[in-house]
Amino acid sequence: MLCHGGQAPLEAASFVNTAMIRNLDFNDRYPGGHPSDCLGALLAFAGTTPVDGRRLIVAMAVVYEVFSPG
């Protein structure tokens, strides 16, 4: 989990990470949804698998492509 250092099940870590990210981000004007909502889950998943930073960034770019209108 972000800023905690402890371990938690993947689902719990995803939820806590996303709640911490969404608490003060004020991104309610993004058209088509909130792609940053996926970042907490991606970070939790990356922490449990041998994923490098490049693949994490590519995964986040895919999320923004899926959420973008048009």
PDB file of N, CA and C in Angstrom:
ATOM      1  N   MET A   1       0.841  -1.181   0.000  1.00  0.00           N
ATOM      2  CA  MET A   1       0.000   0.000   0.000  1.00  0.00           C
ATOM      3  C   MET A   1       0.884   1.241   0.000  1.00  0.00           C
ATOM      4  N   LEU A   2       0.401   2.283  -0.617  1.00  0.00           N
ATOM      5  CA  LEU A   2       1.156   3.520  -0.694  1.00  0.00           C
ATOM      6  C   LEU A   2       1.430   4.092   0.695  1.00  0.00           C
ATOM      7  N   CYS A   3       2.646   4.537   0.910  1.00  0.00           N
ATOM      8  CA  CYS A   3       3.043   5.245   2.141  1.00  0.00           C
ATOM      9  C   CYS A   3       2.809   4.429   3.409  1.00  0.00           C
ATOM     10  N   HIS A   4       2.736   3.124   3.308  1.00  0.00           N
ATOM     11  CA  HIS A   4       2.449   2.313   4.488  1.00  0.00           C
ATOM     12  C   HIS A   4       3.572   1.334   4.780  1.00  0.00           C
ATOM     13  N   GLY A   5       4.072   0.687   3.763  1.00  0.00           N
ATOM     14  CA  GLY A   5       5.145  -0.271   3.942  1.00  0.00           C
ATOM     15  C   GLY A   5       4.681  -1.651   4.355  1.00  0.00           C
ATOM     16  N   GLY A   6       3.416  -1.791   4.735  1.00  0.00           N
ATOM     17  CA  GLY A   6       2.879  -3.085   5.125  1.00  0.00           C
ATOM     18  C   GLY A   6       2.359  -3.846   3.923  1.00  0.00           C
ATOM     19  N   GLN A   7       1.882  -5.045   4.187  1.00  0.00           N
ATOM     20  CA  GLN A   7       1.313  -5.856   3.120  1.00  0.00           C
ATOM     21  C   GLN A   7      -0.177  -6.057   3.360  1.00  0.00           C
ATOM     22  N   ALA A   8      -0.900  -6.192   2.272  1.00  0.00           N
ATOM     23  CA  ALA A   8      -2.343  -6.416   2.331  1.00  0.00           C
ATOM     24  C   ALA A   8      -2.721  -7.231   1.102  1.00  0.00           C
ATOM     25  N   PRO A   9      -3.875  -7.882   1.128  1.00  0.00           N
ATOM     26  CA  PRO A   9      -4.349  -8.561  -0.087  1.00  0.00           C
ATOM     27  C   PRO A   9      -4.467  -7.561  -1.240  1.00  0.00           C
ATOM     28  N   LEU A  10      -4.316  -8.050  -2.453  1.00  0.00           N
ATOM     29  CA  LEU A  10      -4.318  -7.185  -3.626  1.00  0.00           C
ATOM     30  C   LEU A  10      -5.570  -6.311  -3.693  1.00  0.00           C
ATOM     31  N   GLU A  11      -6.735  -6.884  -3.411  1.00  0.00           N
ATOM     32  CA  GLU A  11      -7.983  -6.112  -3.474  1.00  0.00           C
ATOM     33  C   GLU A  11      -7.989  -4.977  -2.453  1.00  0.00           C
ATOM     34  N   ALA A  12      -7.539  -5.259  -1.236  1.00  0.00           N
ATOM     35  CA  ALA A  12      -7.514  -4.233  -0.188  1.00  0.00           C
ATOM     36  C   ALA A  12      -6.499  -3.148  -0.526  1.00  0.00           C
ATOM     37  N   ALA A  13      -5.323  -3.544  -1.000  1.00  0.00           N
ATOM     38  CA  ALA A  13      -4.302  -2.562  -1.368  1.00  0.00           C
ATOM     39  C   ALA A  13      -4.788  -1.681  -2.519  1.00  0.00           C
ATOM     40  N   SER A  14      -5.472  -2.269  -3.487  1.00  0.00           N
ATOM     41  CA  SER A  14      -6.016  -1.491  -4.598  1.00  0.00           C
ATOM     42  C   SER A  14      -7.022  -0.462  -4.108  1.00  0.00           C
ATOM     43  N   PHE A  15      -7.919  -0.886  -3.219  1.00  0.00           N
ATOM     44  CA  PHE A  15      -8.926   0.022  -2.686  1.00  0.00           C
ATOM     45  C   PHE A  15      -8.301   1.157  -1.888  1.00  0.00           C
ATOM     46  N   VAL A  16      -7.385   0.833  -0.996  1.00  0.00           N
ATOM     47  CA  VAL A  16      -6.757   1.856  -0.148  1.00  0.00           C
ATOM     48  C   VAL A  16      -5.939   2.819  -1.003  1.00  0.00           C
ATOM     49  N   ASN A  17      -5.157   2.290  -1.938  1.00  0.00           N
ATOM     50  CA  ASN A  17      -4.371   3.163  -2.815  1.00  0.00           C
ATOM     51  C   ASN A  17      -5.267   4.125  -3.587  1.00  0.00           C
ATOM     52  N   THR A  18      -6.335   3.604  -4.159  1.00  0.00           N
ATOM     53  CA  THR A  18      -7.233   4.445  -4.945  1.00  0.00           C
ATOM     54  C   THR A  18      -7.932   5.475  -4.080  1.00  0.00           C
ATOM     55  N   ALA A  19      -8.334   5.099  -2.880  1.00  0.00           N
ATOM     56  CA  ALA A  19      -8.978   6.060  -1.978  1.00  0.00           C
ATOM     57  C   ALA A  19      -8.014   7.187  -1.617  1.00  0.00           C
ATOM     58  N   MET A  20      -6.754   6.846  -1.382  1.00  0.00           N
ATOM     59  CA  MET A  20      -5.777   7.889  -1.049  1.00  0.00           C
ATOM     60  C   MET A  20      -5.505   8.791  -2.249  1.00  0.00           C
ATOM     61  N   ILE A  21      -5.453   8.226  -3.452  1.00  0.00           N
ATOM     62  CA  ILE A  21      -5.198   9.025  -4.649  1.00  0.00           C
ATOM     63  C   ILE A  21      -6.379   9.946  -4.938  1.00  0.00           C
ATOM     64  N   ARG A  22      -7.603   9.439  -4.796  1.00  0.00           N
ATOM     65  CA  ARG A  22      -8.799  10.217  -5.151  1.00  0.00           C
ATOM     66  C   ARG A  22      -9.202  11.233  -4.092  1.00  0.00           C
ATOM     67  N   ASN A  23      -8.658  11.153  -2.909  1.00  0.00           N
ATOM     68  CA  ASN A  23      -9.100  12.012  -1.815  1.00  0.00           C
ATOM     69  C   ASN A  23      -9.031  13.494  -2.171  1.00  0.00           C
ATOM     70  N   LEU A  24      -7.951  13.953  -2.739  1.00  0.00           N
ATOM     71  CA  LEU A  24      -7.786  15.389  -3.001  1.00  0.00           C
ATOM     72  C   LEU A  24      -7.390  15.710  -4.437  1.00  0.00           C
ATOM     73  N   ASP A  25      -7.718  14.858  -5.395  1.00  0.00           N
ATOM     74  CA  ASP A  25      -7.203  15.112  -6.744  1.00  0.00           C
ATOM     75  C   ASP A  25      -8.058  16.053  -7.586  1.00  0.00           C
ATOM     76  N   PHE A  26      -9.319  16.246  -7.270  1.00  0.00           N
ATOM     77  CA  PHE A  26     -10.185  17.212  -7.945  1.00  0.00           C
ATOM     78  C   PHE A  26     -10.177  17.061  -9.471  1.00  0.00           C
ATOM     79  N   ASN A  27     -10.262  15.847  -9.988  1.00  0.00           N
ATOM     80  CA  ASN A  27     -10.241  15.662 -11.445  1.00  0.00           C
ATOM     81  C   ASN A  27     -11.622  15.346 -11.999  1.00  0.00           C
ATOM     82  N   ASP A  28     -12.662  15.877 -11.414  1.00  0.00           N
ATOM     83  CA  ASP A  28     -14.025  15.558 -11.830  1.00  0.00           C
ATOM     84  C   ASP A  28     -14.405  16.149 -13.183  1.00  0.00           C
ATOM     85  N   ARG A  29     -13.542  16.892 -13.805  1.00  0.00           N
ATOM     86  CA  ARG A  29     -13.870  17.492 -15.098  1.00  0.00           C
ATOM     87  C   ARG A  29     -13.282  16.728 -16.272  1.00  0.00           C
ATOM     88  N   TYR A  30     -12.669  15.587 -16.032  1.00  0.00           N
ATOM     89  CA  TYR A  30     -12.090  14.814 -17.130  1.00  0.00           C
ATOM     90  C   TYR A  30     -13.219  14.149 -17.910  1.00  0.00           C
ATOM     91  N   PRO A  31     -13.292  14.359 -19.229  1.00  0.00           N
ATOM     92  CA  PRO A  31     -14.414  13.797 -20.004  1.00  0.00           C
ATOM     93  C   PRO A  31     -14.334  12.281 -20.125  1.00  0.00           C
ATOM     94  N   GLY A  32     -15.435  11.614 -19.911  1.00  0.00           N
ATOM     95  CA  GLY A  32     -15.499  10.185 -20.146  1.00  0.00           C
ATOM     96  C   GLY A  32     -15.204   9.311 -18.948  1.00  0.00           C
ATOM     97  N   GLY A  33     -14.851   9.868 -17.823  1.00  0.00           N
ATOM     98  CA  GLY A  33     -14.562   9.059 -16.646  1.00  0.00           C
ATOM     99  C   GLY A  33     -13.362   9.572 -15.871  1.00  0.00           C
ATOM    100  N   HIS A  34     -12.834   8.735 -15.034  1.00  0.00           N
ATOM    101  CA  HIS A  34     -11.706   9.092 -14.180  1.00  0.00           C
ATOM    102  C   HIS A  34     -10.591   8.068 -14.354  1.00  0.00           C
ATOM    103  N   PRO A  35      -9.723   8.238 -15.342  1.00  0.00           N
ATOM    104  CA  PRO A  35      -8.680   7.247 -15.574  1.00  0.00           C
ATOM    105  C   PRO A  35      -7.710   7.119 -14.401  1.00  0.00           C
ATOM    106  N   SER A  36      -7.562   8.158 -13.607  1.00  0.00           N
ATOM    107  CA  SER A  36      -6.650   8.069 -12.456  1.00  0.00           C
ATOM    108  C   SER A  36      -7.161   7.096 -11.403  1.00  0.00           C
ATOM    109  N   ASP A  37      -8.426   6.710 -11.471  1.00  0.00           N
ATOM    110  CA  ASP A  37      -8.950   5.719 -10.531  1.00  0.00           C
ATOM    111  C   ASP A  37      -8.251   4.372 -10.688  1.00  0.00           C
ATOM    112  N   CYS A  38      -7.711   4.107 -11.847  1.00  0.00           N
ATOM    113  CA  CYS A  38      -7.025   2.831 -12.093  1.00  0.00           C
ATOM    114  C   CYS A  38      -5.605   2.807 -11.544  1.00  0.00           C
ATOM    115  N   LEU A  39      -5.041   3.958 -11.246  1.00  0.00           N
ATOM    116  CA  LEU A  39      -3.642   4.009 -10.823  1.00  0.00           C
ATOM    117  C   LEU A  39      -3.397   3.248  -9.524  1.00  0.00           C
ATOM    118  N   GLY A  40      -4.301   3.340  -8.554  1.00  0.00           N
ATOM    119  CA  GLY A  40      -4.137   2.614  -7.291  1.00  0.00           C
ATOM    120  C   GLY A  40      -4.075   1.116  -7.484  1.00  0.00           C
ATOM    121  N   ALA A  41      -4.944   0.598  -8.348  1.00  0.00           N
ATOM    122  CA  ALA A  41      -4.940  -0.844  -8.628  1.00  0.00           C
ATOM    123  C   ALA A  41      -3.688  -1.247  -9.389  1.00  0.00           C
ATOM    124  N   LEU A  42      -3.271  -0.429 -10.359  1.00  0.00           N
ATOM    125  CA  LEU A  42      -2.056  -0.753 -11.112  1.00  0.00           C
ATOM    126  C   LEU A  42      -0.826  -0.751 -10.208  1.00  0.00           C
ATOM    127  N   LEU A  43      -0.748   0.194  -9.281  1.00  0.00           N
ATOM    128  CA  LEU A  43       0.382   0.231  -8.354  1.00  0.00           C
ATOM    129  C   LEU A  43       0.372  -0.970  -7.416  1.00  0.00           C
ATOM    130  N   ALA A  44      -0.807  -1.351  -6.949  1.00  0.00           N
ATOM    131  CA  ALA A  44      -0.900  -2.529  -6.072  1.00  0.00           C
ATOM    132  C   ALA A  44      -0.504  -3.790  -6.832  1.00  0.00           C
ATOM    133  N   PHE A  45      -0.975  -3.915  -8.068  1.00  0.00           N
ATOM    134  CA  PHE A  45      -0.627  -5.081  -8.873  1.00  0.00           C
ATOM    135  C   PHE A  45       0.866  -5.114  -9.180  1.00  0.00           C
ATOM    136  N   ALA A  46       1.425  -3.956  -9.518  1.00  0.00           N
ATOM    137  CA  ALA A  46       2.858  -3.893  -9.825  1.00  0.00           C
ATOM    138  C   ALA A  46       3.702  -4.257  -8.607  1.00  0.00           C
ATOM    139  N   GLY A  47       3.177  -3.995  -7.416  1.00  0.00           N
ATOM    140  CA  GLY A  47       3.909  -4.340  -6.202  1.00  0.00           C
ATOM    141  C   GLY A  47       3.924  -5.823  -5.891  1.00  0.00           C
ATOM    142  N   THR A  48       3.044  -6.583  -6.536  1.00  0.00           N
ATOM    143  CA  THR A  48       2.977  -8.022  -6.268  1.00  0.00           C
ATOM    144  C   THR A  48       3.546  -8.861  -7.401  1.00  0.00           C
ATOM    145  N   THR A  49       3.941  -8.234  -8.496  1.00  0.00           N
ATOM    146  CA  THR A  49       4.463  -8.956  -9.646  1.00  0.00           C
ATOM    147  C   THR A  49       5.785  -8.327 -10.090  1.00  0.00           C
ATOM    148  N   PRO A  50       6.583  -9.051 -10.845  1.00  0.00           N
ATOM    149  CA  PRO A  50       7.844  -8.480 -11.333  1.00  0.00           C
ATOM    150  C   PRO A  50       7.629  -7.576 -12.553  1.00  0.00           C
ATOM    151  N   VAL A  51       7.034  -6.411 -12.330  1.00  0.00           N
ATOM    152  CA  VAL A  51       6.749  -5.463 -13.397  1.00  0.00           C
ATOM    153  C   VAL A  51       7.717  -4.293 -13.271  1.00  0.00           C
ATOM    154  N   ASP A  52       8.307  -3.883 -14.390  1.00  0.00           N
ATOM    155  CA  ASP A  52       9.202  -2.735 -14.335  1.00  0.00           C
ATOM    156  C   ASP A  52       8.407  -1.442 -14.537  1.00  0.00           C
ATOM    157  N   GLY A  53       9.056  -0.325 -14.330  1.00  0.00           N
ATOM    158  CA  GLY A  53       8.398   0.973 -14.435  1.00  0.00           C
ATOM    159  C   GLY A  53       7.858   1.268 -15.816  1.00  0.00           C
ATOM    160  N   ARG A  54       8.564   0.821 -16.825  1.00  0.00           N
ATOM    161  CA  ARG A  54       8.107   1.072 -18.194  1.00  0.00           C
ATOM    162  C   ARG A  54       6.756   0.414 -18.458  1.00  0.00           C
ATOM    163  N   ARG A  55       6.599  -0.827 -18.038  1.00  0.00           N
ATOM    164  CA  ARG A  55       5.319  -1.523 -18.255  1.00  0.00           C
ATOM    165  C   ARG A  55       4.196  -0.876 -17.453  1.00  0.00           C
ATOM    166  N   LEU A  56       4.511  -0.377 -16.258  1.00  0.00           N
ATOM    167  CA  LEU A  56       3.508   0.316 -15.450  1.00  0.00           C
ATOM    168  C   LEU A  56       3.043   1.595 -16.150  1.00  0.00           C
ATOM    169  N   ILE A  57       3.974   2.353 -16.702  1.00  0.00           N
ATOM    170  CA  ILE A  57       3.622   3.581 -17.414  1.00  0.00           C
ATOM    171  C   ILE A  57       2.818   3.258 -18.677  1.00  0.00           C
ATOM    172  N   VAL A  58       3.184   2.217 -19.383  1.00  0.00           N
ATOM    173  CA  VAL A  58       2.427   1.808 -20.574  1.00  0.00           C
ATOM    174  C   VAL A  58       1.004   1.411 -20.189  1.00  0.00           C
ATOM    175  N   ALA A  59       0.859   0.686 -19.094  1.00  0.00           N
ATOM    176  CA  ALA A  59      -0.478   0.289 -18.637  1.00  0.00           C
ATOM    177  C   ALA A  59      -1.321   1.521 -18.308  1.00  0.00           C
ATOM    178  N   MET A  60      -0.721   2.515 -17.675  1.00  0.00           N
ATOM    179  CA  MET A  60      -1.474   3.725 -17.349  1.00  0.00           C
ATOM    180  C   MET A  60      -1.835   4.497 -18.617  1.00  0.00           C
ATOM    181  N   ALA A  61      -0.941   4.515 -19.601  1.00  0.00           N
ATOM    182  CA  ALA A  61      -1.254   5.180 -20.872  1.00  0.00           C
ATOM    183  C   ALA A  61      -2.425   4.485 -21.566  1.00  0.00           C
ATOM    184  N   VAL A  62      -2.477   3.164 -21.492  1.00  0.00           N
ATOM    185  CA  VAL A  62      -3.596   2.412 -22.079  1.00  0.00           C
ATOM    186  C   VAL A  62      -4.903   2.792 -21.385  1.00  0.00           C
ATOM    187  N   VAL A  63      -4.859   2.924 -20.068  1.00  0.00           N
ATOM    188  CA  VAL A  63      -6.068   3.333 -19.326  1.00  0.00           C
ATOM    189  C   VAL A  63      -6.565   4.691 -19.824  1.00  0.00           C
ATOM    190  N   TYR A  64      -5.667   5.658 -20.003  1.00  0.00           N
ATOM    191  CA  TYR A  64      -6.082   6.974 -20.484  1.00  0.00           C
ATOM    192  C   TYR A  64      -6.615   6.889 -21.914  1.00  0.00           C
ATOM    193  N   GLU A  65      -6.044   6.032 -22.749  1.00  0.00           N
ATOM    194  CA  GLU A  65      -6.553   5.857 -24.108  1.00  0.00           C
ATOM    195  C   GLU A  65      -7.964   5.273 -24.105  1.00  0.00           C
ATOM    196  N   VAL A  66      -8.217   4.318 -23.204  1.00  0.00           N
ATOM    197  CA  VAL A  66      -9.536   3.705 -23.122  1.00  0.00           C
ATOM    198  C   VAL A  66     -10.579   4.722 -22.643  1.00  0.00           C
ATOM    199  N   PHE A  67     -10.193   5.569 -21.697  1.00  0.00           N
ATOM    200  CA  PHE A  67     -11.137   6.529 -21.134  1.00  0.00           C
ATOM    201  C   PHE A  67     -11.352   7.754 -22.024  1.00  0.00           C
ATOM    202  N   SER A  68     -10.421   8.053 -22.910  1.00  0.00           N
ATOM    203  CA  SER A  68     -10.540   9.290 -23.696  1.00  0.00           C
ATOM    204  C   SER A  68     -11.644   9.163 -24.726  1.00  0.00           C
ATOM    205  N   PRO A  69     -12.452  10.204 -24.844  1.00  0.00           N
ATOM    206  CA  PRO A  69     -13.551  10.153 -25.815  1.00  0.00           C
ATOM    207  C   PRO A  69     -13.033  10.353 -27.236  1.00  0.00           C
ATOM    208  N   GLY A  70     -13.736   9.789 -28.151  1.00  0.00           N
ATOM    209  CA  GLY A  70     -13.484  10.057 -29.553  1.00  0.00           C
ATOM    210  C   GLY A  70     -12.566   9.137 -30.187  1.00  0.00           C
TER     211      GLY A  70
END
